[in-house]
Amino acid sequence: KDYIGGEKRSGTLLRAGIKYLRDLRETVINELRCANSHELVRSIEVLDLIDVCEVGALCAENRKESRGPRHQRPDYPFTNPLLTGFLQTARRDGDDIKLEFRKAI
């Protein structure tokens, strides 16, 4: 919450949060041990949650504007009218995450 989910989302805090999420994921992968299939499934769920949080943070950092009450950026205080009617999408391309804006249908 301090880096990504707070009321104000600056680029600096978002980038720090993304770095911490990536460090956390690396630590989990290096230190994770499962004694049975139940623990394995729970562990995969944790890795999935870390991935989803990273994508959310990347999208928030990529949206260089303030929009609505939940996405206020002190470094970009105004709404970009060129993005009205557009949705942001994210997809995995190998090890990279590609972010794009597309017109809402």
Protein backbone atom coordinates (compact mmCIF):
# COMPACT_ATOMS: atom_id res chain seq x y z
CA LYS A 1 0.00 0.00 0.00
CA ASP A 2 2.83 2.40 0.75
CA TYR A 3 4.21 2.16 -2.79
CA ILE A 4 1.39 1.13 -5.10
CA GLY A 5 -2.04 1.21 -3.49
CA GLY A 6 -1.93 4.50 -1.64
CA GLU A 7 -4.04 7.55 -2.35
CA LYS A 8 -1.20 9.21 -4.28
CA ARG A 9 0.72 7.23 -6.89
CA SER A 10 3.92 8.92 -7.97
CA GLY A 11 6.20 7.40 -10.56
CA THR A 12 9.00 7.16 -8.00
CA LEU A 13 6.88 5.18 -5.53
CA LEU A 14 5.43 2.96 -8.25
CA ARG A 15 8.87 2.10 -9.63
CA ALA A 16 10.12 1.32 -6.11
CA GLY A 17 7.08 -0.91 -5.52
CA ILE A 18 7.68 -2.73 -8.81
CA LYS A 19 11.31 -3.33 -7.82
CA TYR A 20 10.27 -4.69 -4.41
CA LEU A 21 7.69 -7.00 -6.02
CA ARG A 22 10.33 -8.34 -8.40
CA ASP A 23 12.77 -8.84 -5.53
CA LEU A 24 10.05 -10.64 -3.56
CA ARG A 25 9.27 -12.92 -6.50
CA GLU A 26 12.97 -13.79 -6.91
CA THR A 27 13.28 -14.53 -3.18
CA VAL A 28 10.17 -16.73 -3.25
CA ILE A 29 11.43 -18.68 -6.26
CA ASN A 30 14.88 -19.20 -4.71
CA GLU A 31 13.64 -20.18 -1.25
CA LEU A 32 10.29 -21.86 -1.87
CA ARG A 33 9.98 -25.47 -0.75
CA CYS A 34 6.82 -27.59 -0.87
CA ALA A 35 6.29 -30.75 1.11
CA ASN A 36 3.12 -31.83 -0.71
CA SER A 37 0.76 -30.96 -3.57
CA HIS A 38 -1.41 -28.75 -1.34
CA GLU A 39 1.57 -26.54 -0.48
CA LEU A 40 2.58 -26.49 -4.16
CA VAL A 41 -0.83 -25.15 -5.23
CA ARG A 42 -0.78 -22.49 -2.49
CA SER A 43 2.74 -21.50 -3.55
CA ILE A 44 1.69 -21.13 -7.18
CA GLU A 45 -1.21 -18.96 -6.04
CA VAL A 46 1.24 -16.67 -4.20
CA LEU A 47 3.40 -16.35 -7.32
CA ASP A 48 0.29 -15.56 -9.38
CA LEU A 49 -0.70 -12.83 -6.90
CA ILE A 50 2.77 -11.29 -7.12
CA ASP A 51 2.49 -11.31 -10.94
CA VAL A 52 -0.94 -9.67 -10.88
CA CYS A 53 0.31 -6.99 -8.47
CA GLU A 54 3.28 -6.30 -10.73
CA VAL A 55 1.05 -5.88 -13.79
CA GLY A 56 -1.24 -3.54 -11.86
CA ALA A 57 1.72 -1.46 -10.74
CA LEU A 58 3.18 -1.36 -14.26
CA CYS A 59 -0.16 -0.19 -15.65
CA ALA A 60 -0.46 2.50 -12.97
CA GLU A 61 3.09 3.70 -13.69
CA ASN A 62 2.43 3.67 -17.45
CA ARG A 63 -0.74 5.78 -17.12
CA LYS A 64 0.85 9.22 -17.03
CA GLU A 65 -2.22 11.07 -15.80
CA SER A 66 -4.63 11.39 -12.89
CA ARG A 67 -8.01 9.80 -13.51
CA GLY A 68 -10.83 9.34 -11.02
CA PRO A 69 -10.50 9.09 -7.25
CA ARG A 70 -8.39 5.90 -7.26
CA HIS A 71 -5.61 6.99 -9.61
CA GLN A 72 -4.17 10.32 -8.53
CA ARG A 73 -0.62 11.09 -9.66
CA PRO A 74 1.03 14.15 -8.09
CA ASP A 75 3.62 14.01 -10.90
CA TYR A 76 0.79 14.03 -13.52
CA PRO A 77 -2.07 15.96 -11.85
CA PHE A 78 -4.28 16.35 -14.93
CA THR A 79 -6.43 13.91 -16.90
CA ASN A 80 -5.22 13.29 -20.44
CA PRO A 81 -8.27 13.83 -22.69
CA LEU A 82 -6.58 11.83 -25.46
CA LEU A 83 -6.96 8.69 -23.31
CA THR A 84 -10.70 9.15 -22.72
CA GLY A 85 -12.48 6.12 -24.17
CA PHE A 86 -9.33 3.99 -24.11
CA LEU A 87 -8.51 0.95 -21.98
CA GLN A 88 -5.03 -0.12 -21.00
CA THR A 89 -4.12 -3.72 -21.75
CA ALA A 90 -1.23 -5.88 -20.60
CA ARG A 91 0.10 -9.07 -22.13
CA ARG A 92 3.10 -11.25 -21.54
CA ASP A 93 5.56 -11.53 -24.41
CA GLY A 94 8.22 -14.00 -23.31
CA ASP A 95 9.76 -12.50 -20.17
CA ASP A 96 8.44 -9.01 -20.98
CA ILE A 97 5.10 -7.43 -20.19
CA LYS A 98 3.73 -5.32 -23.06
CA LEU A 99 1.38 -2.47 -22.15
CA GLU A 100 -0.90 -0.84 -24.72
CA PHE A 101 -3.92 1.42 -24.89
CA ARG A 102 -6.88 0.36 -27.04
CA LYS A 103 -10.18 1.98 -27.82
CA ALA A 104 -12.99 0.74 -25.58
CA ILE A 105 -15.71 -1.10 -27.45
